[in-house]
Amino acid sequence: MQPRQIEETRKVQFTGGSTYIISLPKKWIDQNNLKKGSVIQLREEEGGALLITATSKVQTQTTEEALIKISPKDNSAAVIRKVVSAYLVGYSLIRIKAEKQQQLSTEQRNNLKNFARHMLVGTEIVTDKPSELTLQVLLSYPELSIQSALRRMGIITASMHRDAITALKTLDYALARSVAATDNEVDRFTLYIVRQLKMAVQNPRIIKDIGLSNARNCLGYRLVAKSVERTADHAVSIAENMLPLRQRLSAEGIKKIEEMSEIAITMFETAVDALLRQDFNLAESIIEKIDRVVSLEKEAVKASQQIGIDEAANLRLIIESVRRTAEYAADIAEIVLNLTVESIISGEHSAKPL
């Protein structure tokens, strides 16, 4: 149970002809080891609140180094999960060290290095020794904001979806395989966004640094990132379920799927745009289209019944993934409505500039 916080009041005093001062509680001074001449940090929060922080706390709140000790016999996947957890929590230096002066296995080292290079945004391998691997996260907040990362995720995901449908239409197996390979790009941005949001929750002072306006946005953006990631997963599902097909769909069947797909992925792109523009009305327009996608799904299933029994199950899964893309777009739109509802309550309907 958290200790009950006791609120105190202080009178504002006027001194020196131009300076306003207040006294600070002695208990707080003692707890933070402050004395005459100590420096404190003042930060104006949303709504007019003033946050007062001891500079010693500012320094200690920055998560620095994580040490992960492992055995050479540990499964590489399990080790990677530990590294991901440390990355997401916000550690800037992650050391993976073998226990008892042993050496990391070749498999562990290679898998860790490949994962760090391809999946952890802004991370460099600064130490690579038989007994230790050290990863350092060098990327700072302004260099890649949450919005920039989400915009990139949205572009990649939409491209994956369209490539998967093109592969289905033309039975291009190489294109379908490239869709699955591209999914790592979306996943790495997802990890980066989750890391930034977790750090913002732990340290509200960086909320504006990562591109958000207030703490309430953190949960909304986390849910959006998850929906974008799942949309990319369904693009992969379309591509993977296309691979067993050996005959092209009928003209009517592919027409219905293409029509359904274009509505779904346009909904998705518009939903991401509505989030970035903080546009309530644009988000509202997306949700109204979901019924059309459901209707087209029934038509697509009916038109595709001419395909062989063995391939029918794969085709049904493809059509379902297209529908799920539209549903995730609607989920994102609903989050945007929640984040921007004040614009409707106050009567401000215009979108904010990018």
Protein backbone atom coordinates (compact mmCIF):
# COMPACT_ATOMS: atom_id res chain seq x y z
CA MET A 1 0.00 0.00 0.00
CA GLN A 2 1.30 3.42 -0.95
CA PRO A 3 1.79 5.84 1.95
CA ARG A 4 -0.86 8.52 2.15
CA GLN A 5 0.34 11.78 0.69
CA ILE A 6 -0.22 14.76 2.96
CA GLU A 7 -1.06 17.98 1.21
CA GLU A 8 0.34 21.20 2.59
CA THR A 9 -0.39 24.80 1.78
CA ARG A 10 2.12 27.61 1.48
CA LYS A 11 1.62 31.34 1.19
CA VAL A 12 3.20 33.15 -1.72
CA GLN A 13 5.48 35.90 -0.45
CA PHE A 14 6.81 38.94 -2.25
CA THR A 15 10.41 40.01 -1.78
CA GLY A 16 13.00 42.17 -3.40
CA GLY A 17 10.46 44.22 -5.30
CA SER A 18 10.06 41.69 -8.13
CA THR A 19 10.41 38.14 -6.79
CA TYR A 20 7.73 35.79 -5.50
CA ILE A 21 8.84 32.98 -3.16
CA ILE A 22 7.33 30.08 -1.21
CA SER A 23 8.87 27.96 1.54
CA LEU A 24 9.48 24.22 1.01
CA PRO A 25 8.52 21.52 3.58
CA LYS A 26 11.46 20.56 5.79
CA LYS A 27 10.55 16.88 5.55
CA TRP A 28 10.86 17.02 1.76
CA ILE A 29 14.18 18.86 2.02
CA ASP A 30 15.55 16.16 4.36
CA GLN A 31 14.27 13.26 2.25
CA ASN A 32 16.05 14.63 -0.81
CA ASN A 33 19.26 15.53 1.04
CA LEU A 34 18.99 19.20 0.10
CA LYS A 35 20.65 22.11 1.82
CA LYS A 36 21.24 25.79 1.34
CA GLY A 37 22.49 26.37 -2.21
CA SER A 38 21.12 23.07 -3.60
CA VAL A 39 19.61 23.29 -7.08
CA ILE A 40 16.07 22.12 -7.79
CA GLN A 41 14.26 21.78 -11.11
CA LEU A 42 10.95 23.50 -11.86
CA ARG A 43 8.71 22.35 -14.69
CA GLU A 44 5.30 23.71 -15.66
CA GLU A 45 2.87 20.88 -16.30
CA GLU A 46 -0.34 20.85 -18.30
CA GLY A 47 -3.19 22.60 -16.52
CA GLY A 48 -0.91 25.04 -14.73
CA ALA A 49 0.63 22.61 -12.21
CA LEU A 50 4.24 23.25 -11.22
CA LEU A 51 6.45 20.19 -10.70
CA ILE A 52 9.38 20.65 -8.29
CA THR A 53 12.08 17.98 -8.49
CA ALA A 54 15.41 17.62 -6.71
CA THR A 55 18.22 17.46 -9.29
CA SER A 56 19.54 14.33 -7.58
CA LYS A 57 16.23 12.62 -8.38
CA VAL A 58 16.38 13.81 -11.98
CA GLN A 59 19.67 12.03 -12.40
CA THR A 60 18.69 8.79 -10.66
CA GLN A 61 15.40 8.54 -12.58
CA THR A 62 17.38 8.03 -15.79
CA THR A 63 17.73 4.28 -16.22
CA GLU A 64 21.32 3.53 -17.13
CA GLU A 65 22.75 0.01 -17.10
CA ALA A 66 21.28 -3.48 -17.01
CA LEU A 67 23.41 -6.58 -16.41
CA ILE A 68 21.98 -9.88 -17.63
CA LYS A 69 23.94 -12.95 -16.54
CA ILE A 70 23.32 -16.09 -18.54
CA SER A 71 24.62 -19.63 -18.86
CA PRO A 72 26.05 -20.84 -22.18
CA LYS A 73 23.32 -23.48 -22.06
CA ASP A 74 20.47 -20.93 -21.93
CA ASN A 75 18.13 -20.91 -24.90
CA SER A 76 18.86 -17.99 -27.25
CA ALA A 77 15.18 -17.08 -27.53
CA ALA A 78 14.89 -16.81 -23.74
CA VAL A 79 17.99 -14.60 -23.59
CA ILE A 80 16.58 -12.34 -26.32
CA ARG A 81 13.34 -11.98 -24.34
CA LYS A 82 15.36 -10.72 -21.36
CA VAL A 83 17.17 -8.23 -23.57
CA VAL A 84 13.87 -7.01 -25.03
CA SER A 85 12.48 -6.52 -21.54
CA ALA A 86 15.51 -4.42 -20.55
CA TYR A 87 15.23 -2.41 -23.78
CA LEU A 88 11.51 -1.74 -23.27
CA VAL A 89 11.98 -0.62 -19.66
CA GLY A 90 14.41 2.04 -20.90
CA TYR A 91 17.95 0.89 -20.09
CA SER A 92 20.48 2.71 -22.24
CA LEU A 93 23.25 0.13 -21.68
CA ILE A 94 22.52 -3.61 -21.69
CA ARG A 95 25.31 -6.03 -20.79
CA ILE A 96 24.86 -9.74 -21.49
CA LYS A 97 27.53 -11.64 -19.60
CA ALA A 98 28.27 -15.33 -19.18
CA GLU A 99 28.15 -16.65 -15.62
CA LYS A 100 31.19 -17.86 -13.67
CA GLN A 101 33.78 -16.61 -16.17
CA GLN A 102 32.41 -18.87 -18.89
CA GLN A 103 31.90 -17.91 -22.53
CA LEU A 104 28.73 -17.18 -24.46
CA SER A 105 27.96 -19.84 -27.02
CA THR A 106 28.47 -18.98 -30.70
CA GLU A 107 24.73 -19.39 -31.27
CA GLN A 108 23.88 -17.01 -28.41
CA ARG A 109 26.28 -14.33 -29.62
CA ASN A 110 25.21 -14.53 -33.26
CA ASN A 111 21.49 -14.52 -32.47
CA LEU A 112 21.85 -11.61 -30.04
CA LYS A 113 23.87 -9.54 -32.51
CA ASN A 114 21.47 -10.21 -35.37
CA PHE A 115 18.49 -9.36 -33.20
CA ALA A 116 20.03 -6.12 -31.92
CA ARG A 117 20.99 -4.98 -35.42
CA HIS A 118 17.65 -5.73 -37.01
CA MET A 119 15.08 -5.25 -34.23
CA LEU A 120 16.28 -2.67 -31.67
CA VAL A 121 16.06 0.84 -33.10
CA GLY A 122 19.00 3.08 -32.21
CA THR A 123 21.07 0.28 -30.68
CA GLU A 124 24.76 -0.39 -31.31
CA ILE A 125 27.00 -3.26 -30.23
CA VAL A 126 29.79 -1.55 -28.27
CA THR A 127 31.42 -4.63 -26.73
CA ASP A 128 31.72 -8.01 -28.44
CA LYS A 129 33.84 -10.45 -26.44
CA PRO A 130 33.56 -14.22 -25.96
CA SER A 131 32.28 -13.72 -22.42
CA GLU A 132 30.26 -10.51 -22.86
CA LEU A 133 28.12 -8.59 -25.30
CA THR A 134 27.19 -4.97 -24.56
CA LEU A 135 24.41 -3.07 -26.34
CA GLN A 136 24.03 0.69 -26.12
CA VAL A 137 20.91 2.63 -27.12
CA LEU A 138 22.14 5.85 -28.70
CA LEU A 139 18.96 7.30 -30.18
CA SER A 140 17.57 10.34 -28.36
CA TYR A 141 13.90 11.34 -28.27
CA PRO A 142 13.77 14.25 -30.75
CA GLU A 143 15.52 12.22 -33.44
CA LEU A 144 12.53 9.90 -33.87
CA SER A 145 9.24 10.96 -32.30
CA ILE A 146 6.35 8.61 -31.58
CA GLN A 147 4.41 10.12 -34.50
CA SER A 148 7.31 9.66 -36.91
CA ALA A 149 7.70 6.02 -35.91
CA LEU A 150 3.96 5.38 -36.26
CA ARG A 151 3.86 7.11 -39.64
CA ARG A 152 6.67 4.85 -40.84
CA MET A 153 4.93 1.76 -39.45
CA GLY A 154 1.72 2.72 -41.24
CA ILE A 155 3.46 3.22 -44.59
CA ILE A 156 5.26 -0.14 -44.37
CA THR A 157 2.11 -1.97 -43.26
CA ALA A 158 -0.05 -0.55 -46.07
CA SER A 159 2.64 -1.49 -48.60
CA MET A 160 2.82 -5.03 -47.18
CA HIS A 161 -0.94 -5.44 -47.48
CA ARG A 162 -1.07 -4.23 -51.10
CA ASP A 163 1.88 -6.44 -52.06
CA ALA A 164 0.16 -9.44 -50.47
CA ILE A 165 -3.02 -8.83 -52.52
CA THR A 166 -0.96 -8.36 -55.70
CA ALA A 167 0.81 -11.65 -54.95
CA LEU A 168 -2.58 -13.33 -54.55
CA LYS A 169 -3.85 -11.89 -57.84
CA THR A 170 -0.78 -12.92 -59.85
CA LEU A 171 0.35 -15.96 -57.82
CA ASP A 172 3.71 -14.26 -57.30
CA TYR A 173 5.29 -16.45 -54.63
CA ALA A 174 8.51 -14.41 -54.40
CA LEU A 175 6.51 -11.24 -53.68
CA ALA A 176 4.51 -13.09 -51.02
CA ARG A 177 7.71 -14.20 -49.26
CA SER A 178 9.06 -10.64 -49.32
CA VAL A 179 5.95 -9.49 -47.42
CA ALA A 180 6.75 -11.85 -44.55
CA ALA A 181 10.36 -10.65 -44.48
CA THR A 182 9.25 -7.01 -44.25
CA ASP A 183 7.29 -7.64 -41.05
CA ASN A 184 10.47 -7.25 -38.97
CA GLU A 185 10.55 -3.56 -39.90
CA VAL A 186 7.14 -3.03 -38.30
CA ASP A 187 8.05 -5.07 -35.23
CA ARG A 188 11.23 -3.06 -34.59
CA PHE A 189 9.31 0.23 -34.63
CA THR A 190 6.73 -1.30 -32.29
CA LEU A 191 9.46 -2.14 -29.77
CA TYR A 192 10.84 1.39 -30.07
CA ILE A 193 7.44 2.99 -29.47
CA VAL A 194 6.70 0.77 -26.46
CA ARG A 195 10.12 1.67 -25.01
CA GLN A 196 9.44 5.39 -25.38
CA LEU A 197 5.96 5.16 -23.89
CA LYS A 198 7.15 3.10 -20.90
CA MET A 199 9.85 5.66 -20.21
CA ALA A 200 7.29 8.48 -20.46
CA VAL A 201 5.04 6.74 -17.92
CA GLN A 202 8.00 6.36 -15.54
CA ASN A 203 9.21 9.90 -16.13
CA PRO A 204 6.45 12.36 -17.19
CA ARG A 205 9.03 15.05 -17.94
CA ILE A 206 9.89 13.41 -21.27
CA ILE A 207 6.31 13.22 -22.58
CA LYS A 208 6.72 16.32 -24.73
CA ASP A 209 10.21 15.21 -25.76
CA ILE A 210 8.81 12.09 -27.45
CA GLY A 211 6.17 14.11 -29.27
CA LEU A 212 3.06 13.71 -27.08
CA SER A 213 1.06 16.49 -25.50
CA ASN A 214 0.07 14.79 -22.22
CA ALA A 215 0.30 11.57 -20.21
CA ARG A 216 -3.23 10.49 -21.21
CA ASN A 217 -2.00 9.92 -24.75
CA CYS A 218 0.43 7.18 -23.72
CA LEU A 219 -2.14 4.40 -23.43
CA GLY A 220 -3.89 5.48 -26.64
CA TYR A 221 -0.67 5.43 -28.65
CA ARG A 222 0.30 2.07 -27.16
CA LEU A 223 -3.00 0.59 -28.36
CA VAL A 224 -2.57 2.15 -31.79
CA ALA A 225 0.93 0.70 -32.13
CA LYS A 226 -0.46 -2.74 -31.26
CA SER A 227 -3.23 -2.40 -33.84
CA VAL A 228 -0.75 -1.38 -36.54
CA GLU A 229 1.48 -4.33 -35.63
CA ARG A 230 -1.47 -6.73 -35.84
CA THR A 231 -2.49 -5.26 -39.20
CA ALA A 232 1.00 -6.03 -40.50
CA ASP A 233 0.66 -9.56 -39.11
CA HIS A 234 -2.52 -10.01 -41.16
CA ALA A 235 -0.69 -8.84 -44.29
CA VAL A 236 1.81 -11.62 -43.57
CA SER A 237 -1.09 -14.02 -43.04
CA ILE A 238 -2.52 -13.11 -46.47
CA ALA A 239 0.88 -13.76 -48.08
CA GLU A 240 1.48 -17.04 -46.24
CA ASN A 241 -1.98 -18.39 -47.01
CA MET A 242 -1.47 -17.51 -50.67
CA LEU A 243 1.65 -19.70 -50.97
CA PRO A 244 -0.23 -23.08 -51.08
CA LEU A 245 -2.53 -21.85 -53.89
CA ARG A 246 -1.78 -23.32 -57.32
CA GLN A 247 -4.57 -21.85 -59.42
CA ARG A 248 -5.63 -18.26 -59.89
CA LEU A 249 -8.94 -17.12 -58.54
CA SER A 250 -11.83 -16.41 -60.86
CA ALA A 251 -12.12 -12.87 -62.18
CA GLU A 252 -15.20 -12.33 -60.01
CA GLY A 253 -13.51 -13.71 -56.91
CA ILE A 254 -10.38 -11.57 -57.19
CA LYS A 255 -12.51 -8.52 -58.01
CA LYS A 256 -14.47 -8.86 -54.76
CA ILE A 257 -11.32 -9.42 -52.69
CA GLU A 258 -9.56 -6.46 -54.31
CA GLU A 259 -12.54 -4.19 -53.69
CA MET A 260 -12.77 -5.34 -50.09
CA SER A 261 -9.02 -4.96 -49.66
CA GLU A 262 -8.86 -1.43 -51.05
CA ILE A 263 -11.58 -0.23 -48.70
CA ALA A 264 -9.91 -1.93 -45.72
CA ILE A 265 -6.39 -0.61 -46.33
CA THR A 266 -7.68 2.87 -47.18
CA MET A 267 -9.53 2.83 -43.85
CA PHE A 268 -6.26 1.88 -42.17
CA GLU A 269 -4.25 4.65 -43.84
CA THR A 270 -6.93 7.20 -43.04
CA ALA A 271 -7.07 6.08 -39.41
CA VAL A 272 -3.31 6.57 -38.99
CA ASP A 273 -3.60 9.97 -40.70
CA ALA A 274 -6.47 10.93 -38.38
CA LEU A 275 -4.28 10.09 -35.37
CA LEU A 276 -1.35 12.13 -36.63
CA ARG A 277 -3.61 15.09 -37.44
CA GLN A 278 -5.71 14.63 -34.29
CA ASP A 279 -8.82 14.87 -36.48
CA PHE A 280 -12.03 13.68 -34.78
CA ASN A 281 -14.24 14.00 -37.87
CA LEU A 282 -11.83 12.09 -40.10
CA ALA A 283 -11.73 9.25 -37.57
CA GLU A 284 -15.53 9.22 -37.37
CA SER A 285 -15.80 8.77 -41.15
CA ILE A 286 -13.76 5.56 -41.00
CA ILE A 287 -16.00 3.65 -38.61
CA GLU A 288 -18.98 4.09 -40.91
CA LYS A 289 -17.28 1.99 -43.63
CA ILE A 290 -16.94 -1.24 -41.66
CA ASP A 291 -20.41 -2.47 -42.67
CA ARG A 292 -19.44 -2.27 -46.35
CA VAL A 293 -16.39 -4.45 -45.71
CA VAL A 294 -18.49 -7.08 -43.92
CA SER A 295 -20.94 -7.10 -46.85
CA LEU A 296 -18.11 -7.52 -49.36
CA GLU A 297 -16.67 -10.35 -47.27
CA LYS A 298 -19.82 -12.39 -47.82
CA GLU A 299 -19.69 -11.69 -51.56
CA ALA A 300 -16.01 -12.61 -51.74
CA VAL A 301 -16.58 -15.91 -49.95
CA LYS A 302 -19.44 -16.76 -52.29
CA ALA A 303 -17.45 -15.83 -55.41
CA SER A 304 -14.46 -17.92 -54.30
CA GLN A 305 -16.34 -21.18 -53.81
CA GLN A 306 -15.23 -22.40 -57.24
CA ILE A 307 -11.70 -23.06 -55.96
CA GLY A 308 -10.68 -26.58 -54.92
CA ILE A 309 -11.57 -27.88 -51.46
CA ASP A 310 -7.93 -28.14 -50.36
CA GLU A 311 -7.31 -24.46 -51.11
CA ALA A 312 -10.67 -23.14 -49.91
CA ALA A 313 -9.53 -22.98 -46.27
CA ASN A 314 -6.52 -20.83 -47.19
CA LEU A 315 -8.69 -18.50 -49.21
CA ARG A 316 -11.17 -18.09 -46.36
CA LEU A 317 -8.29 -17.14 -44.06
CA ILE A 318 -7.11 -14.57 -46.62
CA ILE A 319 -10.55 -12.98 -46.79
CA GLU A 320 -10.77 -13.00 -42.98
CA SER A 321 -7.41 -11.18 -42.73
CA VAL A 322 -8.67 -8.47 -45.07
CA ARG A 323 -11.71 -8.01 -42.83
CA ARG A 324 -9.52 -7.92 -39.73
CA THR A 325 -7.48 -5.14 -41.36
CA ALA A 326 -10.66 -3.06 -41.59
CA GLU A 327 -11.56 -3.88 -37.99
CA TYR A 328 -8.14 -2.77 -36.72
CA ALA A 329 -8.55 0.45 -38.71
CA ALA A 330 -11.86 1.00 -36.91
CA ASP A 331 -10.14 0.28 -33.57
CA ILE A 332 -7.53 2.95 -34.30
CA ALA A 333 -10.29 5.38 -35.31
CA GLU A 334 -12.09 4.80 -32.01
CA ILE A 335 -8.89 5.56 -30.10
CA VAL A 336 -8.54 8.80 -32.07
CA LEU A 337 -12.12 9.70 -31.09
CA ASN A 338 -11.22 9.20 -27.44
CA LEU A 339 -8.05 11.27 -27.74
CA THR A 340 -9.71 14.16 -29.58
CA VAL A 341 -13.18 14.29 -28.05
CA GLU A 342 -12.46 17.70 -26.51
CA SER A 343 -12.36 19.21 -30.00
CA ILE A 344 -16.01 18.27 -30.43
CA ILE A 345 -17.09 19.26 -26.93
CA SER A 346 -15.54 22.69 -27.34
CA GLY A 347 -16.79 23.02 -30.90
CA GLU A 348 -13.34 23.10 -32.48
CA HIS A 349 -13.78 20.78 -35.47
CA SER A 350 -10.72 21.73 -37.47
CA ALA A 351 -7.77 19.36 -37.61
CA LYS A 352 -4.50 20.29 -35.97
CA PRO A 353 -1.58 20.88 -38.34
CA LEU A 354 0.95 18.09 -38.80
